[in-house]
Amino acid sequence: MTNNKLTIEDFTIIKVVGKGSYGKVLLVKKNDDDKIYAMKVLKKKNMIKRNQVEHIKTERKVLELINHPFIISLKYAFQTPEKLYLVMDYCPGGELFFHIQRVERFNEEA
């Protein structure tokens, strides 16, 4: 991660790739280098209302510290008074949890 102050204006939104109870995930392009990322946008009031502030802080810290080829890492994080933005590598295909729920058990090939 870099320490430069980023804002939402540093990215071009391509499309929404997911929505949840806290916010949404956007496919974005960083304007200065044209790299594609997934941007998780979380509404602070929803996190507070659902008592998830510590959970989100932990998620951010883990994503920032992780360095593994099979786990997405945090590239940038910034916030406004209303929202928290987590910018990560874009990995198409969805979350592993979604696929596990759908099939219950992977076969050996999967």
N, C-alpha and C. Protein backbone atom coordinates (compact mmCIF):
# COMPACT_ATOMS: atom_id res chain seq x y z
N MET A 1 0.84 -1.18 0.00
CA MET A 1 0.00 0.00 0.00
C MET A 1 0.87 1.23 0.00
N THR A 2 0.36 2.28 -0.56
CA THR A 2 1.09 3.53 -0.57
C THR A 2 0.47 4.49 0.43
N ASN A 3 1.20 5.52 0.81
CA ASN A 3 0.71 6.50 1.76
C ASN A 3 0.12 7.73 1.09
N ASN A 4 0.09 7.75 -0.24
CA ASN A 4 -0.49 8.89 -0.95
C ASN A 4 -1.97 8.97 -0.63
N LYS A 5 -2.47 10.19 -0.50
CA LYS A 5 -3.88 10.40 -0.20
C LYS A 5 -4.70 10.21 -1.47
N LEU A 6 -5.48 9.15 -1.52
CA LEU A 6 -6.33 8.89 -2.67
C LEU A 6 -7.76 9.28 -2.34
N THR A 7 -8.54 9.50 -3.38
CA THR A 7 -9.96 9.74 -3.24
C THR A 7 -10.67 8.95 -4.32
N ILE A 8 -11.97 8.94 -4.27
CA ILE A 8 -12.76 8.24 -5.28
C ILE A 8 -12.51 8.84 -6.66
N GLU A 9 -12.12 10.11 -6.73
CA GLU A 9 -11.84 10.76 -8.01
C GLU A 9 -10.60 10.21 -8.70
N ASP A 10 -9.77 9.47 -7.98
CA ASP A 10 -8.58 8.86 -8.57
C ASP A 10 -8.90 7.58 -9.35
N PHE A 11 -10.18 7.20 -9.35
CA PHE A 11 -10.61 5.96 -9.99
C PHE A 11 -11.79 6.24 -10.92
N THR A 12 -11.88 5.45 -11.98
CA THR A 12 -13.03 5.47 -12.87
C THR A 12 -13.83 4.20 -12.61
N ILE A 13 -15.11 4.36 -12.30
CA ILE A 13 -15.97 3.22 -12.03
C ILE A 13 -16.38 2.59 -13.36
N ILE A 14 -16.14 1.29 -13.47
CA ILE A 14 -16.49 0.56 -14.68
C ILE A 14 -17.88 -0.06 -14.53
N LYS A 15 -18.08 -0.77 -13.42
CA LYS A 15 -19.40 -1.37 -13.17
C LYS A 15 -19.48 -1.87 -11.73
N VAL A 16 -20.70 -2.15 -11.29
CA VAL A 16 -20.93 -2.77 -9.98
C VAL A 16 -20.81 -4.28 -10.18
N VAL A 17 -19.99 -4.93 -9.34
CA VAL A 17 -19.83 -6.39 -9.46
C VAL A 17 -20.48 -7.13 -8.31
N GLY A 18 -20.92 -6.41 -7.27
CA GLY A 18 -21.59 -7.05 -6.15
C GLY A 18 -22.20 -6.04 -5.21
N LYS A 19 -23.26 -6.48 -4.51
CA LYS A 19 -23.91 -5.64 -3.52
C LYS A 19 -24.16 -6.46 -2.27
N GLY A 20 -24.10 -5.78 -1.12
CA GLY A 20 -24.36 -6.45 0.15
C GLY A 20 -25.04 -5.50 1.11
N SER A 21 -25.18 -5.94 2.34
CA SER A 21 -25.90 -5.13 3.33
C SER A 21 -25.09 -3.92 3.79
N TYR A 22 -23.77 -3.97 3.68
CA TYR A 22 -22.93 -2.86 4.13
C TYR A 22 -22.61 -1.88 3.01
N GLY A 23 -22.63 -2.33 1.78
CA GLY A 23 -22.24 -1.48 0.66
C GLY A 23 -22.18 -2.29 -0.61
N LYS A 24 -21.18 -1.98 -1.46
CA LYS A 24 -21.08 -2.67 -2.74
C LYS A 24 -19.62 -2.81 -3.16
N VAL A 25 -19.40 -3.65 -4.17
CA VAL A 25 -18.08 -3.85 -4.75
C VAL A 25 -18.14 -3.38 -6.19
N LEU A 26 -17.19 -2.51 -6.53
CA LEU A 26 -17.14 -1.92 -7.86
C LEU A 26 -15.89 -2.40 -8.60
N LEU A 27 -16.01 -2.57 -9.89
CA LEU A 27 -14.86 -2.77 -10.75
C LEU A 27 -14.41 -1.37 -11.15
N VAL A 28 -13.16 -1.02 -10.86
CA VAL A 28 -12.67 0.33 -11.12
C VAL A 28 -11.34 0.29 -11.84
N LYS A 29 -11.01 1.41 -12.46
CA LYS A 29 -9.70 1.59 -13.11
C LYS A 29 -9.03 2.77 -12.43
N LYS A 30 -7.80 2.57 -12.00
CA LYS A 30 -7.04 3.67 -11.41
C LYS A 30 -6.59 4.59 -12.53
N ASN A 31 -6.89 5.86 -12.39
CA ASN A 31 -6.70 6.81 -13.50
C ASN A 31 -5.24 7.03 -13.89
N ASP A 32 -4.31 6.97 -12.97
CA ASP A 32 -2.92 7.30 -13.32
C ASP A 32 -2.15 6.15 -13.96
N ASP A 33 -2.62 4.90 -13.80
CA ASP A 33 -1.88 3.79 -14.40
C ASP A 33 -2.77 2.80 -15.17
N ASP A 34 -4.07 3.07 -15.22
CA ASP A 34 -5.03 2.23 -15.94
C ASP A 34 -5.13 0.80 -15.42
N LYS A 35 -4.66 0.53 -14.21
CA LYS A 35 -4.80 -0.81 -13.64
C LYS A 35 -6.23 -1.00 -13.14
N ILE A 36 -6.70 -2.24 -13.24
CA ILE A 36 -8.05 -2.60 -12.84
C ILE A 36 -8.02 -3.17 -11.41
N TYR A 37 -8.99 -2.74 -10.60
CA TYR A 37 -9.09 -3.18 -9.21
C TYR A 37 -10.55 -3.44 -8.85
N ALA A 38 -10.76 -4.13 -7.73
CA ALA A 38 -12.07 -4.23 -7.11
C ALA A 38 -12.08 -3.25 -5.95
N MET A 39 -13.11 -2.42 -5.88
CA MET A 39 -13.22 -1.43 -4.81
C MET A 39 -14.44 -1.76 -3.95
N LYS A 40 -14.20 -2.11 -2.71
CA LYS A 40 -15.27 -2.38 -1.75
C LYS A 40 -15.63 -1.06 -1.08
N VAL A 41 -16.87 -0.65 -1.21
CA VAL A 41 -17.34 0.62 -0.65
C VAL A 41 -18.31 0.28 0.48
N LEU A 42 -17.93 0.64 1.70
CA LEU A 42 -18.73 0.31 2.88
C LEU A 42 -19.31 1.57 3.49
N LYS A 43 -20.59 1.54 3.79
CA LYS A 43 -21.25 2.66 4.44
C LYS A 43 -21.01 2.57 5.94
N LYS A 44 -20.40 3.62 6.49
CA LYS A 44 -20.05 3.62 7.91
C LYS A 44 -21.28 3.48 8.80
N LYS A 45 -22.37 4.14 8.46
CA LYS A 45 -23.55 4.07 9.32
C LYS A 45 -24.10 2.65 9.39
N ASN A 46 -24.01 1.89 8.30
CA ASN A 46 -24.46 0.49 8.32
C ASN A 46 -23.54 -0.38 9.18
N MET A 47 -22.24 -0.12 9.13
CA MET A 47 -21.30 -0.88 9.95
C MET A 47 -21.55 -0.61 11.43
N ILE A 48 -21.79 0.64 11.77
CA ILE A 48 -22.05 1.02 13.16
C ILE A 48 -23.37 0.41 13.63
N LYS A 49 -24.41 0.54 12.80
CA LYS A 49 -25.74 0.04 13.15
C LYS A 49 -25.72 -1.47 13.40
N ARG A 50 -24.91 -2.20 12.65
CA ARG A 50 -24.84 -3.66 12.78
C ARG A 50 -23.70 -4.10 13.71
N ASN A 51 -23.09 -3.15 14.39
CA ASN A 51 -22.03 -3.45 15.36
C ASN A 51 -20.88 -4.24 14.71
N GLN A 52 -20.44 -3.80 13.53
CA GLN A 52 -19.40 -4.50 12.78
C GLN A 52 -18.11 -3.69 12.62
N VAL A 53 -17.95 -2.64 13.39
CA VAL A 53 -16.79 -1.77 13.22
C VAL A 53 -15.49 -2.52 13.46
N GLU A 54 -15.41 -3.28 14.55
CA GLU A 54 -14.17 -4.03 14.84
C GLU A 54 -13.92 -5.10 13.78
N HIS A 55 -14.97 -5.74 13.31
CA HIS A 55 -14.85 -6.75 12.27
C HIS A 55 -14.24 -6.15 11.00
N ILE A 56 -14.72 -4.99 10.59
CA ILE A 56 -14.21 -4.33 9.39
C ILE A 56 -12.78 -3.85 9.59
N LYS A 57 -12.47 -3.35 10.77
CA LYS A 57 -11.08 -2.94 11.06
C LYS A 57 -10.15 -4.14 10.95
N THR A 58 -10.58 -5.27 11.46
CA THR A 58 -9.76 -6.49 11.39
C THR A 58 -9.60 -6.95 9.95
N GLU A 59 -10.69 -6.91 9.18
CA GLU A 59 -10.63 -7.28 7.77
C GLU A 59 -9.61 -6.41 7.03
N ARG A 60 -9.66 -5.12 7.26
CA ARG A 60 -8.74 -4.20 6.61
C ARG A 60 -7.30 -4.52 6.97
N LYS A 61 -7.04 -4.77 8.25
CA LYS A 61 -5.69 -5.05 8.71
C LYS A 61 -5.15 -6.36 8.11
N VAL A 62 -5.99 -7.39 8.10
CA VAL A 62 -5.57 -8.68 7.54
C VAL A 62 -5.28 -8.54 6.05
N LEU A 63 -6.18 -7.87 5.32
CA LEU A 63 -5.96 -7.68 3.88
C LEU A 63 -4.69 -6.88 3.60
N GLU A 64 -4.39 -5.94 4.47
CA GLU A 64 -3.19 -5.12 4.31
C GLU A 64 -1.92 -5.93 4.55
N LEU A 65 -1.95 -6.83 5.51
CA LEU A 65 -0.75 -7.57 5.91
C LEU A 65 -0.50 -8.84 5.09
N ILE A 66 -1.56 -9.38 4.50
CA ILE A 66 -1.44 -10.68 3.83
C ILE A 66 -0.59 -10.58 2.55
N ASN A 67 0.20 -11.61 2.33
CA ASN A 67 1.00 -11.70 1.11
C ASN A 67 1.04 -13.17 0.70
N HIS A 68 0.02 -13.58 -0.05
CA HIS A 68 -0.11 -14.98 -0.45
C HIS A 68 -0.71 -15.03 -1.86
N PRO A 69 -0.24 -15.94 -2.70
CA PRO A 69 -0.71 -15.95 -4.09
C PRO A 69 -2.19 -16.31 -4.25
N PHE A 70 -2.81 -16.93 -3.24
CA PHE A 70 -4.21 -17.34 -3.35
C PHE A 70 -5.17 -16.47 -2.54
N ILE A 71 -4.67 -15.41 -1.95
CA ILE A 71 -5.51 -14.52 -1.15
C ILE A 71 -5.35 -13.10 -1.65
N ILE A 72 -6.48 -12.44 -1.88
CA ILE A 72 -6.48 -11.06 -2.36
C ILE A 72 -5.86 -10.16 -1.29
N SER A 73 -5.05 -9.20 -1.73
CA SER A 73 -4.45 -8.27 -0.78
C SER A 73 -4.96 -6.85 -1.02
N LEU A 74 -4.88 -6.05 0.01
CA LEU A 74 -5.33 -4.67 -0.06
C LEU A 74 -4.25 -3.83 -0.73
N LYS A 75 -4.65 -3.06 -1.71
CA LYS A 75 -3.71 -2.17 -2.41
C LYS A 75 -3.81 -0.74 -1.89
N TYR A 76 -5.03 -0.27 -1.65
CA TYR A 76 -5.26 1.09 -1.16
C TYR A 76 -6.46 1.09 -0.23
N ALA A 77 -6.48 2.03 0.69
CA ALA A 77 -7.64 2.25 1.56
C ALA A 77 -7.74 3.74 1.84
N PHE A 78 -8.97 4.24 1.80
CA PHE A 78 -9.22 5.64 2.13
C PHE A 78 -10.67 5.76 2.56
N GLN A 79 -11.02 6.92 3.08
CA GLN A 79 -12.37 7.11 3.58
C GLN A 79 -12.86 8.54 3.42
N THR A 80 -14.17 8.65 3.49
CA THR A 80 -14.83 9.95 3.56
C THR A 80 -15.61 9.93 4.89
N PRO A 81 -16.25 11.01 5.26
CA PRO A 81 -17.05 10.96 6.50
C PRO A 81 -18.15 9.89 6.46
N GLU A 82 -18.64 9.53 5.29
CA GLU A 82 -19.75 8.58 5.17
C GLU A 82 -19.34 7.17 4.79
N LYS A 83 -18.21 7.01 4.08
CA LYS A 83 -17.86 5.71 3.51
C LYS A 83 -16.41 5.33 3.73
N LEU A 84 -16.17 4.01 3.71
CA LEU A 84 -14.83 3.44 3.75
C LEU A 84 -14.60 2.74 2.42
N TYR A 85 -13.43 2.94 1.83
CA TYR A 85 -13.10 2.37 0.52
C TYR A 85 -11.89 1.44 0.68
N LEU A 86 -12.06 0.19 0.27
CA LEU A 86 -10.97 -0.78 0.26
C LEU A 86 -10.74 -1.20 -1.18
N VAL A 87 -9.54 -0.96 -1.69
CA VAL A 87 -9.21 -1.25 -3.09
C VAL A 87 -8.26 -2.45 -3.12
N MET A 88 -8.70 -3.49 -3.82
CA MET A 88 -7.96 -4.75 -3.85
C MET A 88 -7.76 -5.21 -5.29
N ASP A 89 -6.90 -6.19 -5.46
CA ASP A 89 -6.76 -6.82 -6.78
C ASP A 89 -8.13 -7.33 -7.20
N TYR A 90 -8.41 -7.25 -8.50
CA TYR A 90 -9.65 -7.79 -9.03
C TYR A 90 -9.42 -9.23 -9.42
N CYS A 91 -10.23 -10.11 -8.91
CA CYS A 91 -10.15 -11.53 -9.22
C CYS A 91 -11.54 -12.00 -9.63
N PRO A 92 -11.81 -12.10 -10.93
CA PRO A 92 -13.16 -12.48 -11.36
C PRO A 92 -13.51 -13.89 -10.92
N GLY A 93 -14.78 -14.11 -10.72
CA GLY A 93 -15.24 -15.45 -10.35
C GLY A 93 -15.98 -15.48 -9.04
N GLY A 94 -15.91 -14.44 -8.26
CA GLY A 94 -16.65 -14.38 -7.01
C GLY A 94 -15.88 -14.92 -5.83
N GLU A 95 -16.52 -14.84 -4.68
CA GLU A 95 -15.89 -15.29 -3.44
C GLU A 95 -15.96 -16.81 -3.32
N LEU A 96 -14.97 -17.39 -2.70
CA LEU A 96 -14.93 -18.83 -2.47
C LEU A 96 -16.15 -19.26 -1.65
N PHE A 97 -16.53 -18.46 -0.66
CA PHE A 97 -17.67 -18.79 0.20
C PHE A 97 -18.94 -19.00 -0.62
N PHE A 98 -19.17 -18.16 -1.62
CA PHE A 98 -20.34 -18.29 -2.49
C PHE A 98 -20.34 -19.65 -3.19
N HIS A 99 -19.19 -20.05 -3.72
CA HIS A 99 -19.09 -21.31 -4.46
C HIS A 99 -19.24 -22.52 -3.53
N ILE A 100 -18.71 -22.41 -2.33
CA ILE A 100 -18.86 -23.50 -1.35
C ILE A 100 -20.33 -23.67 -0.97
N GLN A 101 -21.04 -22.56 -0.76
CA GLN A 101 -22.46 -22.63 -0.41
C GLN A 101 -23.26 -23.26 -1.55
N ARG A 102 -22.89 -22.98 -2.77
CA ARG A 102 -23.65 -23.46 -3.92
C ARG A 102 -23.49 -24.96 -4.13
N VAL A 103 -22.28 -25.49 -3.98
CA VAL A 103 -22.06 -26.91 -4.28
C VAL A 103 -21.86 -27.76 -3.04
N GLU A 104 -21.73 -27.16 -1.88
CA GLU A 104 -21.52 -27.81 -0.60
C GLU A 104 -20.16 -28.50 -0.48
N ARG A 105 -19.74 -29.19 -1.50
CA ARG A 105 -18.45 -29.88 -1.43
C ARG A 105 -17.83 -29.91 -2.81
N PHE A 106 -16.56 -29.56 -2.90
CA PHE A 106 -15.84 -29.61 -4.17
C PHE A 106 -15.35 -31.04 -4.42
N ASN A 107 -15.37 -31.43 -5.70
CA ASN A 107 -14.74 -32.71 -6.04
C ASN A 107 -13.23 -32.48 -6.12
N GLU A 108 -12.48 -33.53 -6.31
CA GLU A 108 -11.02 -33.43 -6.31
C GLU A 108 -10.51 -32.49 -7.39
N GLU A 109 -11.12 -32.52 -8.57
CA GLU A 109 -10.68 -31.66 -9.67
C GLU A 109 -10.90 -30.18 -9.36
N ALA A 110 -12.02 -29.86 -8.76
CA ALA A 110 -12.34 -28.46 -8.43
C ALA A 110 -11.35 -27.94 -7.40
